[in-house]
Amino acid sequence: VSVYDKTGLEDLARGLHEAGVQLVSTGSTAGKIAAAGVPVTKVEELTGFPECLDGRVKTLHPKVHAGILADLRLDAHRAQ
């Protein structure tokens, strides 16, 4: 989750969490979600790399893109 306009973010995060979604988020979005008491993993904890270029590059990492592009019907994709 990464949003510029954080209006309604707490409700969205709560709803996703209640639906069983594990949230991964960036910077101040992660901070706002955590402050609302919703479990969230910062994207840099997932990737092992900090934001760079003043926060312009946050999610350009194979771990993030693999999570988006994986075909979860395939055992090999799920294992990776």
PDB file of N, CA and C in Angstrom:
ATOM      1  N   VAL A   1       0.853  -1.165   0.000  1.00  0.00           N
ATOM      2  CA  VAL A   1       0.000   0.000   0.000  1.00  0.00           C
ATOM      3  C   VAL A   1       0.897   1.225   0.000  1.00  0.00           C
ATOM      4  N   SER A   2       0.670   2.103  -0.957  1.00  0.00           N
ATOM      5  CA  SER A   2       1.400   3.360  -1.008  1.00  0.00           C
ATOM      6  C   SER A   2       0.472   4.396  -1.613  1.00  0.00           C
ATOM      7  N   VAL A   3       0.099   5.380  -0.824  1.00  0.00           N
ATOM      8  CA  VAL A   3      -0.827   6.397  -1.310  1.00  0.00           C
ATOM      9  C   VAL A   3      -0.332   7.788  -0.954  1.00  0.00           C
ATOM     10  N   TYR A   4      -0.615   8.750  -1.816  1.00  0.00           N
ATOM     11  CA  TYR A   4      -0.302  10.148  -1.541  1.00  0.00           C
ATOM     12  C   TYR A   4      -1.397  10.738  -0.655  1.00  0.00           C
ATOM     13  N   ASP A   5      -2.654  10.570  -1.084  1.00  0.00           N
ATOM     14  CA  ASP A   5      -3.802  11.063  -0.313  1.00  0.00           C
ATOM     15  C   ASP A   5      -4.211   9.964   0.663  1.00  0.00           C
ATOM     16  N   LYS A   6      -4.011  10.218   1.934  1.00  0.00           N
ATOM     17  CA  LYS A   6      -4.244   9.202   2.955  1.00  0.00           C
ATOM     18  C   LYS A   6      -5.654   9.251   3.552  1.00  0.00           C
ATOM     19  N   THR A   7      -6.553   9.979   2.911  1.00  0.00           N
ATOM     20  CA  THR A   7      -7.937  10.044   3.352  1.00  0.00           C
ATOM     21  C   THR A   7      -8.545   8.638   3.317  1.00  0.00           C
ATOM     22  N   GLY A   8      -9.074   8.181   4.438  1.00  0.00           N
ATOM     23  CA  GLY A   8      -9.712   6.870   4.501  1.00  0.00           C
ATOM     24  C   GLY A   8      -8.747   5.697   4.569  1.00  0.00           C
ATOM     25  N   LEU A   9      -7.459   5.984   4.685  1.00  0.00           N
ATOM     26  CA  LEU A   9      -6.457   4.918   4.685  1.00  0.00           C
ATOM     27  C   LEU A   9      -6.650   3.942   5.840  1.00  0.00           C
ATOM     28  N   GLU A  10      -6.957   4.465   7.027  1.00  0.00           N
ATOM     29  CA  GLU A  10      -7.115   3.589   8.192  1.00  0.00           C
ATOM     30  C   GLU A  10      -8.219   2.564   7.965  1.00  0.00           C
ATOM     31  N   ASP A  11      -9.357   3.019   7.435  1.00  0.00           N
ATOM     32  CA  ASP A  11     -10.475   2.102   7.175  1.00  0.00           C
ATOM     33  C   ASP A  11     -10.101   1.068   6.112  1.00  0.00           C
ATOM     34  N   LEU A  12      -9.410   1.512   5.068  1.00  0.00           N
ATOM     35  CA  LEU A  12      -8.965   0.591   4.028  1.00  0.00           C
ATOM     36  C   LEU A  12      -8.029  -0.460   4.609  1.00  0.00           C
ATOM     37  N   ALA A  13      -7.059  -0.015   5.390  1.00  0.00           N
ATOM     38  CA  ALA A  13      -6.086  -0.940   5.981  1.00  0.00           C
ATOM     39  C   ALA A  13      -6.768  -1.933   6.920  1.00  0.00           C
ATOM     40  N   ARG A  14      -7.691  -1.443   7.736  1.00  0.00           N
ATOM     41  CA  ARG A  14      -8.419  -2.344   8.643  1.00  0.00           C
ATOM     42  C   ARG A  14      -9.208  -3.386   7.857  1.00  0.00           C
ATOM     43  N   GLY A  15      -9.889  -2.937   6.815  1.00  0.00           N
ATOM     44  CA  GLY A  15     -10.681  -3.852   5.994  1.00  0.00           C
ATOM     45  C   GLY A  15      -9.826  -4.914   5.325  1.00  0.00           C
ATOM     46  N   LEU A  16      -8.688  -4.503   4.795  1.00  0.00           N
ATOM     47  CA  LEU A  16      -7.779  -5.467   4.169  1.00  0.00           C
ATOM     48  C   LEU A  16      -7.249  -6.460   5.195  1.00  0.00           C
ATOM     49  N   HIS A  17      -6.869  -5.944   6.360  1.00  0.00           N
ATOM     50  CA  HIS A  17      -6.352  -6.816   7.424  1.00  0.00           C
ATOM     51  C   HIS A  17      -7.419  -7.820   7.872  1.00  0.00           C
ATOM     52  N   GLU A  18      -8.645  -7.343   8.054  1.00  0.00           N
ATOM     53  CA  GLU A  18      -9.740  -8.223   8.479  1.00  0.00           C
ATOM     54  C   GLU A  18     -10.049  -9.282   7.421  1.00  0.00           C
ATOM     55  N   ALA A  19      -9.737  -8.980   6.153  1.00  0.00           N
ATOM     56  CA  ALA A  19      -9.951  -9.938   5.062  1.00  0.00           C
ATOM     57  C   ALA A  19      -8.778 -10.906   4.918  1.00  0.00           C
ATOM     58  N   GLY A  20      -7.783 -10.775   5.798  1.00  0.00           N
ATOM     59  CA  GLY A  20      -6.657 -11.694   5.783  1.00  0.00           C
ATOM     60  C   GLY A  20      -5.469 -11.254   4.949  1.00  0.00           C
ATOM     61  N   VAL A  21      -5.483 -10.013   4.498  1.00  0.00           N
ATOM     62  CA  VAL A  21      -4.384  -9.499   3.684  1.00  0.00           C
ATOM     63  C   VAL A  21      -3.244  -9.048   4.590  1.00  0.00           C
ATOM     64  N   GLN A  22      -2.031  -9.484   4.282  1.00  0.00           N
ATOM     65  CA  GLN A  22      -0.844  -9.013   4.999  1.00  0.00           C
ATOM     66  C   GLN A  22      -0.362  -7.755   4.300  1.00  0.00           C
ATOM     67  N   LEU A  23      -0.354  -6.645   5.016  1.00  0.00           N
ATOM     68  CA  LEU A  23      -0.035  -5.361   4.407  1.00  0.00           C
ATOM     69  C   LEU A  23       1.461  -5.098   4.364  1.00  0.00           C
ATOM     70  N   VAL A  24       1.920  -4.629   3.215  1.00  0.00           N
ATOM     71  CA  VAL A  24       3.278  -4.132   3.022  1.00  0.00           C
ATOM     72  C   VAL A  24       3.106  -2.713   2.514  1.00  0.00           C
ATOM     73  N   SER A  25       3.865  -1.789   3.086  1.00  0.00           N
ATOM     74  CA  SER A  25       3.646  -0.396   2.746  1.00  0.00           C
ATOM     75  C   SER A  25       4.942   0.392   2.756  1.00  0.00           C
ATOM     76  N   THR A  26       4.859   1.594   2.222  1.00  0.00           N
ATOM     77  CA  THR A  26       6.011   2.480   2.123  1.00  0.00           C
ATOM     78  C   THR A  26       5.908   3.634   3.110  1.00  0.00           C
ATOM     79  N   GLY A  27       7.059   4.127   3.532  1.00  0.00           N
ATOM     80  CA  GLY A  27       7.232   5.362   4.281  1.00  0.00           C
ATOM     81  C   GLY A  27       6.126   5.809   5.201  1.00  0.00           C
ATOM     82  N   SER A  28       5.613   7.012   4.916  1.00  0.00           N
ATOM     83  CA  SER A  28       4.606   7.609   5.794  1.00  0.00           C
ATOM     84  C   SER A  28       3.278   6.868   5.726  1.00  0.00           C
ATOM     85  N   THR A  29       3.016   6.173   4.628  1.00  0.00           N
ATOM     86  CA  THR A  29       1.800   5.360   4.548  1.00  0.00           C
ATOM     87  C   THR A  29       1.874   4.231   5.570  1.00  0.00           C
ATOM     88  N   ALA A  30       3.020   3.578   5.659  1.00  0.00           N
ATOM     89  CA  ALA A  30       3.211   2.518   6.660  1.00  0.00           C
ATOM     90  C   ALA A  30       3.071   3.081   8.062  1.00  0.00           C
ATOM     91  N   GLY A  31       3.611   4.276   8.282  1.00  0.00           N
ATOM     92  CA  GLY A  31       3.509   4.906   9.594  1.00  0.00           C
ATOM     93  C   GLY A  31       2.074   5.172   9.995  1.00  0.00           C
ATOM     94  N   LYS A  32       1.272   5.647   9.058  1.00  0.00           N
ATOM     95  CA  LYS A  32      -0.137   5.939   9.352  1.00  0.00           C
ATOM     96  C   LYS A  32      -0.921   4.649   9.613  1.00  0.00           C
ATOM     97  N   ILE A  33      -0.626   3.602   8.859  1.00  0.00           N
ATOM     98  CA  ILE A  33      -1.295   2.314   9.069  1.00  0.00           C
ATOM     99  C   ILE A  33      -0.932   1.765  10.445  1.00  0.00           C
ATOM    100  N   ALA A  34       0.347   1.799  10.787  1.00  0.00           N
ATOM    101  CA  ALA A  34       0.801   1.303  12.092  1.00  0.00           C
ATOM    102  C   ALA A  34       0.189   2.115  13.225  1.00  0.00           C
ATOM    103  N   ALA A  35       0.104   3.430  13.043  1.00  0.00           N
ATOM    104  CA  ALA A  35      -0.477   4.294  14.075  1.00  0.00           C
ATOM    105  C   ALA A  35      -1.948   3.974  14.309  1.00  0.00           C
ATOM    106  N   ALA A  36      -2.614   3.412  13.301  1.00  0.00           N
ATOM    107  CA  ALA A  36      -4.020   3.014  13.434  1.00  0.00           C
ATOM    108  C   ALA A  36      -4.151   1.651  14.103  1.00  0.00           C
ATOM    109  N   GLY A  37      -3.006   1.035  14.432  1.00  0.00           N
ATOM    110  CA  GLY A  37      -3.037  -0.256  15.115  1.00  0.00           C
ATOM    111  C   GLY A  37      -3.173  -1.453  14.192  1.00  0.00           C
ATOM    112  N   VAL A  38      -2.951  -1.242  12.910  1.00  0.00           N
ATOM    113  CA  VAL A  38      -3.059  -2.329  11.938  1.00  0.00           C
ATOM    114  C   VAL A  38      -1.647  -2.847  11.641  1.00  0.00           C
ATOM    115  N   PRO A  39      -1.435  -4.167  11.692  1.00  0.00           N
ATOM    116  CA  PRO A  39      -0.106  -4.710  11.397  1.00  0.00           C
ATOM    117  C   PRO A  39       0.323  -4.380   9.964  1.00  0.00           C
ATOM    118  N   VAL A  40       1.555  -3.928   9.820  1.00  0.00           N
ATOM    119  CA  VAL A  40       2.079  -3.570   8.504  1.00  0.00           C
ATOM    120  C   VAL A  40       3.579  -3.834   8.484  1.00  0.00           C
ATOM    121  N   THR A  41       4.068  -4.297   7.349  1.00  0.00           N
ATOM    122  CA  THR A  41       5.500  -4.487   7.136  1.00  0.00           C
ATOM    123  C   THR A  41       5.982  -3.375   6.223  1.00  0.00           C
ATOM    124  N   LYS A  42       7.051  -2.692   6.612  1.00  0.00           N
ATOM    125  CA  LYS A  42       7.616  -1.662   5.746  1.00  0.00           C
ATOM    126  C   LYS A  42       8.287  -2.342   4.561  1.00  0.00           C
ATOM    127  N   VAL A  43       8.131  -1.761   3.389  1.00  0.00           N
ATOM    128  CA  VAL A  43       8.657  -2.383   2.173  1.00  0.00           C
ATOM    129  C   VAL A  43      10.162  -2.595   2.260  1.00  0.00           C
ATOM    130  N   GLU A  44      10.884  -1.706   2.942  1.00  0.00           N
ATOM    131  CA  GLU A  44      12.337  -1.883   3.047  1.00  0.00           C
ATOM    132  C   GLU A  44      12.701  -3.083   3.915  1.00  0.00           C
ATOM    133  N   GLU A  45      11.802  -3.487   4.819  1.00  0.00           N
ATOM    134  CA  GLU A  45      12.030  -4.713   5.591  1.00  0.00           C
ATOM    135  C   GLU A  45      11.891  -5.940   4.679  1.00  0.00           C
ATOM    136  N   LEU A  46      10.998  -5.863   3.723  1.00  0.00           N
ATOM    137  CA  LEU A  46      10.792  -6.956   2.775  1.00  0.00           C
ATOM    138  C   LEU A  46      11.951  -7.056   1.786  1.00  0.00           C
ATOM    139  N   THR A  47      12.375  -5.906   1.255  1.00  0.00           N
ATOM    140  CA  THR A  47      13.390  -5.912   0.202  1.00  0.00           C
ATOM    141  C   THR A  47      14.816  -5.920   0.735  1.00  0.00           C
ATOM    142  N   GLY A  48      15.008  -5.407   1.950  1.00  0.00           N
ATOM    143  CA  GLY A  48      16.361  -5.265   2.482  1.00  0.00           C
ATOM    144  C   GLY A  48      17.078  -4.045   1.949  1.00  0.00           C
ATOM    145  N   PHE A  49      16.356  -3.170   1.250  1.00  0.00           N
ATOM    146  CA  PHE A  49      16.938  -1.959   0.689  1.00  0.00           C
ATOM    147  C   PHE A  49      16.131  -0.741   1.126  1.00  0.00           C
ATOM    148  N   PRO A  50      16.812   0.346   1.504  1.00  0.00           N
ATOM    149  CA  PRO A  50      16.107   1.568   1.898  1.00  0.00           C
ATOM    150  C   PRO A  50      15.604   2.328   0.666  1.00  0.00           C
ATOM    151  N   GLU A  51      14.692   3.265   0.905  1.00  0.00           N
ATOM    152  CA  GLU A  51      14.261   4.167  -0.158  1.00  0.00           C
ATOM    153  C   GLU A  51      15.478   4.950  -0.634  1.00  0.00           C
ATOM    154  N   CYS A  52      15.444   5.389  -1.894  1.00  0.00           N
ATOM    155  CA  CYS A  52      16.521   6.247  -2.383  1.00  0.00           C
ATOM    156  C   CYS A  52      15.939   7.344  -3.272  1.00  0.00           C
ATOM    157  N   LEU A  53      16.789   8.248  -3.676  1.00  0.00           N
ATOM    158  CA  LEU A  53      16.384   9.403  -4.482  1.00  0.00           C
ATOM    159  C   LEU A  53      15.236  10.162  -3.824  1.00  0.00           C
ATOM    160  N   ASP A  54      15.437  10.489  -2.552  1.00  0.00           N
ATOM    161  CA  ASP A  54      14.442  11.251  -1.780  1.00  0.00           C
ATOM    162  C   ASP A  54      13.074  10.573  -1.760  1.00  0.00           C
ATOM    163  N   GLY A  55      13.070   9.243  -1.721  1.00  0.00           N
ATOM    164  CA  GLY A  55      11.811   8.505  -1.641  1.00  0.00           C
ATOM    165  C   GLY A  55      11.167   8.214  -2.981  1.00  0.00           C
ATOM    166  N   ARG A  56      11.809   8.629  -4.068  1.00  0.00           N
ATOM    167  CA  ARG A  56      11.225   8.373  -5.393  1.00  0.00           C
ATOM    168  C   ARG A  56      11.305   6.898  -5.774  1.00  0.00           C
ATOM    169  N   VAL A  57      12.309   6.198  -5.263  1.00  0.00           N
ATOM    170  CA  VAL A  57      12.453   4.770  -5.557  1.00  0.00           C
ATOM    171  C   VAL A  57      12.229   4.005  -4.262  1.00  0.00           C
ATOM    172  N   LYS A  58      11.116   3.280  -4.207  1.00  0.00           N
ATOM    173  CA  LYS A  58      10.742   2.549  -2.998  1.00  0.00           C
ATOM    174  C   LYS A  58      10.457   1.084  -3.283  1.00  0.00           C
ATOM    175  N   THR A  59       9.799   0.823  -4.385  1.00  0.00           N
ATOM    176  CA  THR A  59       9.275  -0.520  -4.628  1.00  0.00           C
ATOM    177  C   THR A  59       9.846  -1.184  -5.872  1.00  0.00           C
ATOM    178  N   LEU A  60      10.852  -0.585  -6.498  1.00  0.00           N
ATOM    179  CA  LEU A  60      11.448  -1.187  -7.695  1.00  0.00           C
ATOM    180  C   LEU A  60      12.445  -2.255  -7.268  1.00  0.00           C
ATOM    181  N   HIS A  61      11.924  -3.419  -6.955  1.00  0.00           N
ATOM    182  CA  HIS A  61      12.754  -4.506  -6.451  1.00  0.00           C
ATOM    183  C   HIS A  61      12.115  -5.826  -6.879  1.00  0.00           C
ATOM    184  N   PRO A  62      12.929  -6.842  -7.200  1.00  0.00           N
ATOM    185  CA  PRO A  62      12.366  -8.129  -7.631  1.00  0.00           C
ATOM    186  C   PRO A  62      11.402  -8.755  -6.628  1.00  0.00           C
ATOM    187  N   LYS A  63      11.625  -8.576  -5.334  1.00  0.00           N
ATOM    188  CA  LYS A  63      10.711  -9.177  -4.350  1.00  0.00           C
ATOM    189  C   LYS A  63       9.322  -8.567  -4.451  1.00  0.00           C
ATOM    190  N   VAL A  64       9.256  -7.274  -4.735  1.00  0.00           N
ATOM    191  CA  VAL A  64       7.955  -6.612  -4.874  1.00  0.00           C
ATOM    192  C   VAL A  64       7.297  -7.036  -6.183  1.00  0.00           C
ATOM    193  N   HIS A  65       8.039  -6.955  -7.278  1.00  0.00           N
ATOM    194  CA  HIS A  65       7.453  -7.303  -8.573  1.00  0.00           C
ATOM    195  C   HIS A  65       7.107  -8.784  -8.669  1.00  0.00           C
ATOM    196  N   ALA A  66       7.898  -9.646  -8.055  1.00  0.00           N
ATOM    197  CA  ALA A  66       7.574 -11.075  -8.053  1.00  0.00           C
ATOM    198  C   ALA A  66       6.252 -11.317  -7.333  1.00  0.00           C
ATOM    199  N   GLY A  67       6.014 -10.590  -6.252  1.00  0.00           N
ATOM    200  CA  GLY A  67       4.756 -10.725  -5.526  1.00  0.00           C
ATOM    201  C   GLY A  67       3.558 -10.295  -6.351  1.00  0.00           C
ATOM    202  N   ILE A  68       3.777  -9.331  -7.224  1.00  0.00           N
ATOM    203  CA  ILE A  68       2.699  -8.841  -8.088  1.00  0.00           C
ATOM    204  C   ILE A  68       2.471  -9.789  -9.264  1.00  0.00           C
ATOM    205  N   LEU A  69       3.554 -10.276  -9.850  1.00  0.00           N
ATOM    206  CA  LEU A  69       3.464 -11.025 -11.103  1.00  0.00           C
ATOM    207  C   LEU A  69       3.362 -12.540 -10.950  1.00  0.00           C
ATOM    208  N   ALA A  70       3.559 -13.057  -9.756  1.00  0.00           N
ATOM    209  CA  ALA A  70       3.544 -14.512  -9.559  1.00  0.00           C
ATOM    210  C   ALA A  70       2.187 -15.107  -9.930  1.00  0.00           C
ATOM    211  N   ASP A  71       2.230 -16.268 -10.550  1.00  0.00           N
ATOM    212  CA  ASP A  71       1.021 -17.046 -10.828  1.00  0.00           C
ATOM    213  C   ASP A  71       0.904 -18.064  -9.696  1.00  0.00           C
ATOM    214  N   LEU A  72       0.077 -17.762  -8.708  1.00  0.00           N
ATOM    215  CA  LEU A  72      -0.005 -18.586  -7.503  1.00  0.00           C
ATOM    216  C   LEU A  72      -0.608 -19.966  -7.742  1.00  0.00           C
ATOM    217  N   ARG A  73      -1.051 -20.228  -8.962  1.00  0.00           N
ATOM    218  CA  ARG A  73      -1.511 -21.578  -9.297  1.00  0.00           C
ATOM    219  C   ARG A  73      -0.333 -22.512  -9.530  1.00  0.00           C
ATOM    220  N   LEU A  74       0.853 -21.942  -9.726  1.00  0.00           N
ATOM    221  CA  LEU A  74       2.048 -22.734 -10.018  1.00  0.00           C
ATOM    222  C   LEU A  74       2.880 -22.935  -8.763  1.00  0.00           C
ATOM    223  N   ASP A  75       3.155 -24.199  -8.443  1.00  0.00           N
ATOM    224  CA  ASP A  75       3.953 -24.518  -7.254  1.00  0.00           C
ATOM    225  C   ASP A  75       5.307 -23.817  -7.280  1.00  0.00           C
ATOM    226  N   ALA A  76       5.944 -23.792  -8.431  1.00  0.00           N
ATOM    227  CA  ALA A  76       7.272 -23.177  -8.542  1.00  0.00           C
ATOM    228  C   ALA A  76       7.226 -21.688  -8.213  1.00  0.00           C
ATOM    229  N   HIS A  77       6.176 -21.002  -8.627  1.00  0.00           N
ATOM    230  CA  HIS A  77       6.045 -19.579  -8.323  1.00  0.00           C
ATOM    231  C   HIS A  77       5.821 -19.374  -6.826  1.00  0.00           C
ATOM    232  N   ARG A  78       4.960 -20.178  -6.240  1.00  0.00           N
ATOM    233  CA  ARG A  78       4.697 -20.049  -4.799  1.00  0.00           C
ATOM    234  C   ARG A  78       5.957 -20.315  -3.993  1.00  0.00           C
ATOM    235  N   ALA A  79       6.782 -21.253  -4.431  1.00  0.00           N
ATOM    236  CA  ALA A  79       8.015 -21.600  -3.714  1.00  0.00           C
ATOM    237  C   ALA A  79       9.036 -20.469  -3.770  1.00  0.00           C
ATOM    238  N   GLN A  80       8.980 -19.684  -4.829  1.00  0.00           N
ATOM    239  CA  GLN A  80       9.942 -18.596  -4.976  1.00  0.00           C
ATOM    240  C   GLN A  80       9.500 -17.382  -4.202  1.00  0.00           C
TER     241      GLN A  80
END
